[in-house]
C-alpha atoms as a PDB file:
ATOM      1  CA  ILE A   1     -10.553 -46.977   4.342  1.00  0.00           C
ATOM      2  CA  MET A   2     -12.639 -43.724   4.069  1.00  0.00           C
ATOM      3  CA  ASN A   3     -10.115 -41.703   5.793  1.00  0.00           C
ATOM      4  CA  ALA A   4      -7.208 -42.765   3.424  1.00  0.00           C
ATOM      5  CA  PHE A   5      -9.492 -42.085   0.440  1.00  0.00           C
ATOM      6  CA  GLY A   6     -10.282 -38.581   1.792  1.00  0.00           C
ATOM      7  CA  LEU A   7      -6.587 -37.897   2.173  1.00  0.00           C
ATOM      8  CA  ILE A   8      -5.820 -39.052  -1.371  1.00  0.00           C
ATOM      9  CA  GLN A   9      -8.599 -36.644  -2.700  1.00  0.00           C
ATOM     10  CA  ILE A  10      -7.067 -33.751  -0.690  1.00  0.00           C
ATOM     11  CA  GLY A  11      -3.619 -34.592  -2.025  1.00  0.00           C
ATOM     12  CA  LEU A  12      -4.939 -34.658  -5.640  1.00  0.00           C
ATOM     13  CA  ILE A  13      -6.709 -31.332  -5.087  1.00  0.00           C
ATOM     14  CA  LEU A  14      -3.537 -29.694  -3.705  1.00  0.00           C
ATOM     15  CA  SER A  15      -1.174 -30.999  -6.376  1.00  0.00           C
ATOM     16  CA  SER A  16      -3.643 -29.861  -9.114  1.00  0.00           C
ATOM     17  CA  THR A  17      -3.877 -26.377  -7.722  1.00  0.00           C
ATOM     18  CA  THR A  18      -0.070 -26.108  -7.482  1.00  0.00           C
ATOM     19  CA  ILE A  19       0.109 -27.285 -11.163  1.00  0.00           C
ATOM     20  CA  ILE A  20      -2.620 -24.785 -12.109  1.00  0.00           C
ATOM     21  CA  SER A  21      -1.028 -21.926 -10.216  1.00  0.00           C
ATOM     22  CA  SER A  22       2.476 -22.594 -11.873  1.00  0.00           C
ATOM     23  CA  LEU A  23       0.707 -22.798 -15.204  1.00  0.00           C
ATOM     24  CA  GLN A  24      -0.829 -19.439 -14.510  1.00  0.00           C
ATOM     25  CA  CYS A  25       2.560 -18.119 -13.630  1.00  0.00           C
ATOM     26  CA  ASN A  26       4.044 -19.416 -16.839  1.00  0.00           C
ATOM     27  CA  HIS A  27       1.355 -17.486 -18.656  1.00  0.00           C
ATOM     28  CA  LEU A  28       1.717 -14.312 -16.601  1.00  0.00           C
ATOM     29  CA  PRO A  29       3.456 -12.260 -19.404  1.00  0.00           C
ATOM     30  CA  LEU A  30       0.591 -13.108 -21.751  1.00  0.00           C
ATOM     31  CA  GLN A  31      -2.071 -12.342 -19.097  1.00  0.00           C
ATOM     32  CA  GLN A  32      -0.312  -9.022 -18.432  1.00  0.00           C
ATOM     33  CA  ARG A  33      -0.281  -8.188 -22.132  1.00  0.00           C
ATOM     34  CA  LYS A  34      -4.065  -8.844 -22.199  1.00  0.00           C
ATOM     35  CA  VAL A  35      -4.658  -6.741 -19.079  1.00  0.00           C
ATOM     36  CA  ILE A  36      -2.523  -3.862 -20.582  1.00  0.00           C
ATOM     37  CA  GLU A  37      -4.370  -3.956 -23.878  1.00  0.00           C
ATOM     38  CA  ASN A  38      -7.731  -3.985 -22.080  1.00  0.00           C
ATOM     39  CA  SER A  39      -6.594  -1.188 -19.586  1.00  0.00           C
ATOM     40  CA  LEU A  40      -5.457   0.967 -22.553  1.00  0.00           C
ATOM     41  CA  ARG A  41      -8.792   0.406 -24.268  1.00  0.00           C
ATOM     42  CA  LEU A  42     -10.665   1.252 -20.972  1.00  0.00           C
ATOM     43  CA  LEU A  43      -8.551   4.399 -20.455  1.00  0.00           C
ATOM     44  CA  ASP A  44      -9.701   5.646 -23.742  1.00  0.00           C
ATOM     45  CA  LYS A  45     -13.280   4.649 -22.983  1.00  0.00           C
ATOM     46  CA  MET A  46     -13.225   6.322 -19.637  1.00  0.00           C
ATOM     47  CA  GLY A  47     -12.756   9.833 -20.951  1.00  0.00           C
ATOM     48  CA  LYS A  48     -13.152  11.773 -24.179  1.00  0.00           C
ATOM     49  CA  LYS A  49     -10.474  13.345 -26.183  1.00  0.00           C
ATOM     50  CA  PHE A  50      -7.839  15.260 -24.195  1.00  0.00           C
ATOM     51  CA  PRO A  51      -9.532  18.643 -23.222  1.00  0.00           C
ATOM     52  CA  GLN A  52      -7.980  21.607 -25.056  1.00  0.00           C
ATOM     53  CA  GLN A  53      -7.924  23.731 -21.949  1.00  0.00           C
ATOM     54  CA  CYS A  54      -5.628  21.237 -20.278  1.00  0.00           C
ATOM     55  CA  LEU A  55      -2.861  21.390 -22.926  1.00  0.00           C
ATOM     56  CA  ARG A  56      -1.290  24.398 -21.190  1.00  0.00           C
ATOM     57  CA  GLU A  57      -0.845  22.390 -18.021  1.00  0.00           C
ATOM     58  CA  LYS A  58       1.145  19.514 -19.493  1.00  0.00           C
ATOM     59  CA  MET A  59       3.462  17.966 -16.976  1.00  0.00           C
ATOM     60  CA  SER A  60       6.561  15.796 -17.358  1.00  0.00           C
ATOM     61  CA  PHE A  61       6.758  12.997 -14.896  1.00  0.00           C
ATOM     62  CA  ARG A  62       9.697  11.066 -16.484  1.00  0.00           C
ATOM     63  CA  PHE A  63       8.902   7.469 -16.233  1.00  0.00           C
ATOM     64  CA  PRO A  64      11.954   5.506 -14.968  1.00  0.00           C
ATOM     65  CA  THR A  65      12.386   3.312 -18.091  1.00  0.00           C
ATOM     66  CA  GLN A  66      15.475   1.633 -16.675  1.00  0.00           C
ATOM     67  CA  VAL A  67      13.251  -0.357 -14.251  1.00  0.00           C
ATOM     68  CA  LEU A  68      11.927  -2.331 -17.200  1.00  0.00           C
ATOM     69  CA  GLN A  69      15.310  -3.133 -18.634  1.00  0.00           C
ATOM     70  CA  PRO A  70      16.965  -5.542 -16.247  1.00  0.00           C
ATOM     71  CA  ARG A  71      18.275  -8.852 -17.549  1.00  0.00           C
ATOM     72  CA  GLN A  72      16.169 -11.029 -15.288  1.00  0.00           C
ATOM     73  CA  LYS A  73      12.524 -11.567 -16.253  1.00  0.00           C
ATOM     74  CA  GLU A  74      11.619 -11.770 -12.579  1.00  0.00           C
ATOM     75  CA  ALA A  75      12.820  -8.307 -11.874  1.00  0.00           C
ATOM     76  CA  VAL A  76      10.774  -6.980 -14.863  1.00  0.00           C
ATOM     77  CA  GLY A  77       7.763  -8.922 -13.518  1.00  0.00           C
ATOM     78  CA  VAL A  78       8.249  -7.320 -10.095  1.00  0.00           C
ATOM     79  CA  ALA A  79       8.480  -3.792 -11.585  1.00  0.00           C
ATOM     80  CA  ILE A  80       5.340  -4.361 -13.657  1.00  0.00           C
ATOM     81  CA  GLU A  81       3.494  -5.630 -10.565  1.00  0.00           C
ATOM     82  CA  GLU A  82       4.612  -2.494  -8.660  1.00  0.00           C
ATOM     83  CA  ILE A  83       3.412  -0.263 -11.621  1.00  0.00           C
ATOM     84  CA  PHE A  84       0.037  -2.023 -11.558  1.00  0.00           C
ATOM     85  CA  GLN A  85      -0.313  -1.490  -7.816  1.00  0.00           C
ATOM     86  CA  ASN A  86       0.598   2.171  -8.055  1.00  0.00           C
ATOM     87  CA  ILE A  87      -1.738   2.895 -11.031  1.00  0.00           C
ATOM     88  CA  PHE A  88      -4.485   1.075  -9.030  1.00  0.00           C
ATOM     89  CA  TYR A  89      -3.781   3.336  -6.029  1.00  0.00           C
ATOM     90  CA  ILE A  90      -3.861   6.488  -8.024  1.00  0.00           C
ATOM     91  CA  PHE A  91      -7.122   5.591  -9.703  1.00  0.00           C
ATOM     92  CA  SER A  92      -8.841   4.689  -6.517  1.00  0.00           C
ATOM     93  CA  LYS A  93      -9.252   8.059  -4.880  1.00  0.00           C
ATOM     94  CA  ASN A  94     -10.707  11.569  -5.284  1.00  0.00           C
ATOM     95  CA  LEU A  95     -12.125  10.853  -8.736  1.00  0.00           C
ATOM     96  CA  THR A  96     -15.117  13.070  -8.317  1.00  0.00           C
ATOM     97  CA  LEU A  97     -13.817  15.785 -10.680  1.00  0.00           C
ATOM     98  CA  ALA A  98     -12.529  13.363 -13.299  1.00  0.00           C
ATOM     99  CA  ALA A  99     -15.917  13.132 -15.144  1.00  0.00           C
ATOM    100  CA  TRP A 100     -15.185   9.772 -16.544  1.00  0.00           C
ATOM    101  CA  ASP A 101     -17.338   6.820 -17.622  1.00  0.00           C
ATOM    102  CA  GLY A 102     -17.898   4.985 -14.269  1.00  0.00           C
ATOM    103  CA  THR A 103     -18.384   1.462 -15.776  1.00  0.00           C
ATOM    104  CA  ALA A 104     -15.197   1.724 -17.807  1.00  0.00           C
ATOM    105  CA  LEU A 105     -13.388   3.059 -14.628  1.00  0.00           C
ATOM    106  CA  ASP A 106     -14.719   0.128 -12.542  1.00  0.00           C
ATOM    107  CA  GLN A 107     -13.650  -2.348 -15.200  1.00  0.00           C
ATOM    108  CA  PHE A 108     -10.213  -0.658 -15.435  1.00  0.00           C
ATOM    109  CA  GLN A 109      -9.719  -0.871 -11.602  1.00  0.00           C
ATOM    110  CA  ASN A 110     -11.043  -4.531 -11.470  1.00  0.00           C
ATOM    111  CA  GLY A 111      -8.682  -5.678 -14.270  1.00  0.00           C
ATOM    112  CA  LEU A 112      -5.709  -4.086 -12.510  1.00  0.00           C
ATOM    113  CA  TYR A 113      -6.775  -5.536  -9.210  1.00  0.00           C
ATOM    114  CA  LEU A 114      -7.047  -9.089 -10.512  1.00  0.00           C
ATOM    115  CA  GLN A 115      -3.636  -8.783 -12.308  1.00  0.00           C
ATOM    116  CA  ILE A 116      -2.029  -7.595  -9.035  1.00  0.00           C
ATOM    117  CA  GLU A 117      -3.435 -10.598  -7.196  1.00  0.00           C
ATOM    118  CA  GLN A 118      -2.259 -12.996  -9.931  1.00  0.00           C
ATOM    119  CA  SER A 119       1.212 -11.484 -10.257  1.00  0.00           C
ATOM    120  CA  GLU A 120       1.627 -11.287  -6.446  1.00  0.00           C
ATOM    121  CA  ALA A 121       0.995 -15.001  -6.225  1.00  0.00           C
ATOM    122  CA  CYS A 122       3.648 -15.734  -8.875  1.00  0.00           C
ATOM    123  CA  VAL A 123       6.249 -13.121  -7.727  1.00  0.00           C
ATOM    124  CA  ILE A 124       6.215 -14.392  -4.071  1.00  0.00           C
ATOM    125  CA  LYS A 125       7.493 -17.705  -5.413  1.00  0.00           C
ATOM    126  CA  LYS A 126      10.521 -16.147  -7.153  1.00  0.00           C
ATOM    127  CA  HIS A 127      10.931 -13.218  -4.612  1.00  0.00           C
ATOM    128  CA  THR A 128      14.048 -14.187  -2.869  1.00  0.00           C
ATOM    129  CA  GLN A 129      16.616 -13.555  -5.665  1.00  0.00           C
ATOM    130  CA  HIS A 130      17.777 -10.132  -6.947  1.00  0.00           C
ATOM    131  CA  CYS A 131      16.511  -8.167  -3.856  1.00  0.00           C
ATOM    132  CA  ARG A 132      18.829  -5.196  -4.346  1.00  0.00           C
ATOM    133  CA  SER A 133      17.906  -4.445  -7.879  1.00  0.00           C
ATOM    134  CA  LYS A 134      14.303  -4.835  -7.015  1.00  0.00           C
ATOM    135  CA  GLU A 135      14.553  -2.290  -4.241  1.00  0.00           C
ATOM    136  CA  VAL A 136      16.303   0.144  -6.462  1.00  0.00           C
ATOM    137  CA  SER A 137      13.597  -0.064  -9.149  1.00  0.00           C
ATOM    138  CA  ARG A 138      10.852  -0.019  -6.471  1.00  0.00           C
ATOM    139  CA  LEU A 139      12.281   3.243  -5.108  1.00  0.00           C
ATOM    140  CA  LYS A 140      12.438   4.798  -8.611  1.00  0.00           C
ATOM    141  CA  LEU A 141       8.828   3.788  -9.378  1.00  0.00           C
ATOM    142  CA  LYS A 142       7.673   5.057  -5.967  1.00  0.00           C
ATOM    143  CA  LYS A 143       9.249   8.543  -6.647  1.00  0.00           C
ATOM    144  CA  TYR A 144       7.696   8.595 -10.116  1.00  0.00           C
ATOM    145  CA  PHE A 145       4.229   7.794  -8.764  1.00  0.00           C
ATOM    146  CA  GLN A 146       4.628  10.182  -5.937  1.00  0.00           C
ATOM    147  CA  LYS A 147       5.215  12.934  -8.467  1.00  0.00           C
ATOM    148  CA  ILE A 148       1.843  12.085 -10.150  1.00  0.00           C
ATOM    149  CA  ASP A 149       0.146  11.921  -6.656  1.00  0.00           C
ATOM    150  CA  CYS A 150       1.494  15.223  -5.642  1.00  0.00           C
ATOM    151  CA  PHE A 151       0.574  16.771  -8.953  1.00  0.00           C
ATOM    152  CA  LEU A 152      -3.000  15.605  -8.494  1.00  0.00           C
ATOM    153  CA  LYS A 153      -3.058  16.882  -4.826  1.00  0.00           C
ATOM    154  CA  ASP A 154      -1.590  20.177  -5.830  1.00  0.00           C
ATOM    155  CA  LYS A 155      -4.204  20.664  -8.500  1.00  0.00           C
ATOM    156  CA  GLN A 156      -6.876  19.465  -6.052  1.00  0.00           C
ATOM    157  CA  HIS A 157      -7.676  16.568  -8.287  1.00  0.00           C
ATOM    158  CA  ASP A 158      -9.299  18.841 -10.840  1.00  0.00           C
ATOM    159  CA  LEU A 159     -10.393  17.684 -14.294  1.00  0.00           C
ATOM    160  CA  CYS A 160      -7.140  18.693 -16.067  1.00  0.00           C
ATOM    161  CA  SER A 161      -4.884  17.009 -13.487  1.00  0.00           C
ATOM    162  CA  TRP A 162      -6.814  13.755 -13.928  1.00  0.00           C
ATOM    163  CA  GLU A 163      -6.713  14.025 -17.717  1.00  0.00           C
ATOM    164  CA  ILE A 164      -2.924  14.587 -17.643  1.00  0.00           C
ATOM    165  CA  SER A 165      -2.625  11.676 -15.179  1.00  0.00           C
ATOM    166  CA  ARG A 166      -4.721   9.456 -17.520  1.00  0.00           C
ATOM    167  CA  ALA A 167      -2.535  10.402 -20.394  1.00  0.00           C
ATOM    168  CA  GLU A 168       0.540   9.551 -18.301  1.00  0.00           C
ATOM    169  CA  MET A 169      -0.867   6.217 -17.349  1.00  0.00           C
ATOM    170  CA  ARG A 170      -1.603   5.485 -20.967  1.00  0.00           C
ATOM    171  CA  ARG A 171       2.091   6.221 -21.911  1.00  0.00           C
ATOM    172  CA  CYS A 172       3.232   4.024 -18.816  1.00  0.00           C
ATOM    173  CA  LEU A 173       1.118   1.049 -19.958  1.00  0.00           C
ATOM    174  CA  GLN A 174       2.382   1.371 -23.498  1.00  0.00           C
ATOM    175  CA  LEU A 175       5.942   1.087 -22.232  1.00  0.00           C
ATOM    176  CA  ILE A 176       5.052  -1.961 -20.309  1.00  0.00           C
ATOM    177  CA  ASP A 177       3.339  -3.422 -23.267  1.00  0.00           C
ATOM    178  CA  LYS A 178       6.469  -2.993 -25.356  1.00  0.00           C
ATOM    179  CA  VAL A 179       8.491  -4.697 -22.846  1.00  0.00           C
ATOM    180  CA  THR A 180       6.078  -7.731 -22.243  1.00  0.00           C
ATOM    181  CA  ARG A 181       5.943  -8.350 -25.927  1.00  0.00           C
ATOM    182  CA  LYS A 182       9.755  -8.865 -25.907  1.00  0.00           C
ATOM    183  CA  LEU A 183       9.564 -11.326 -22.834  1.00  0.00           C
END
């Protein structure tokens, strides 16, 4: 009798976690919007106003906006997850010359990390369809973020290169924000 009762409890726990995770996936666009709003706020809080001496060094990275325009919500979700991962990657190394508020930076990284975990769990469920278009957008995003990464390396991660990258990430997040509001 005790054994059957234990199995029923386990079954209930498993079914409720499945329901909870699918509910979380249904609310993913809303969660992403909150993360984006928070990330934008933290990006502003991390650094001061854009340094005047960096204005001459402006760089055009050309975000591949077409990756956020497919007809399938899933494909957009995958692109957003990819963007979060790349932003997280860029903002997790060689930050010594950035001179940013450490607490805001940590909160920024943590928010992105939690969102990546959440969207990965949801994206895996829907991952099988639309593989080709996902690969194309993944490659375009990879190229875009490699440009930023190379720019930072070329400038030896100096203050201006970080400030320019921070401004670019702000633009990137604003584009995603516009898209998630339409979803």
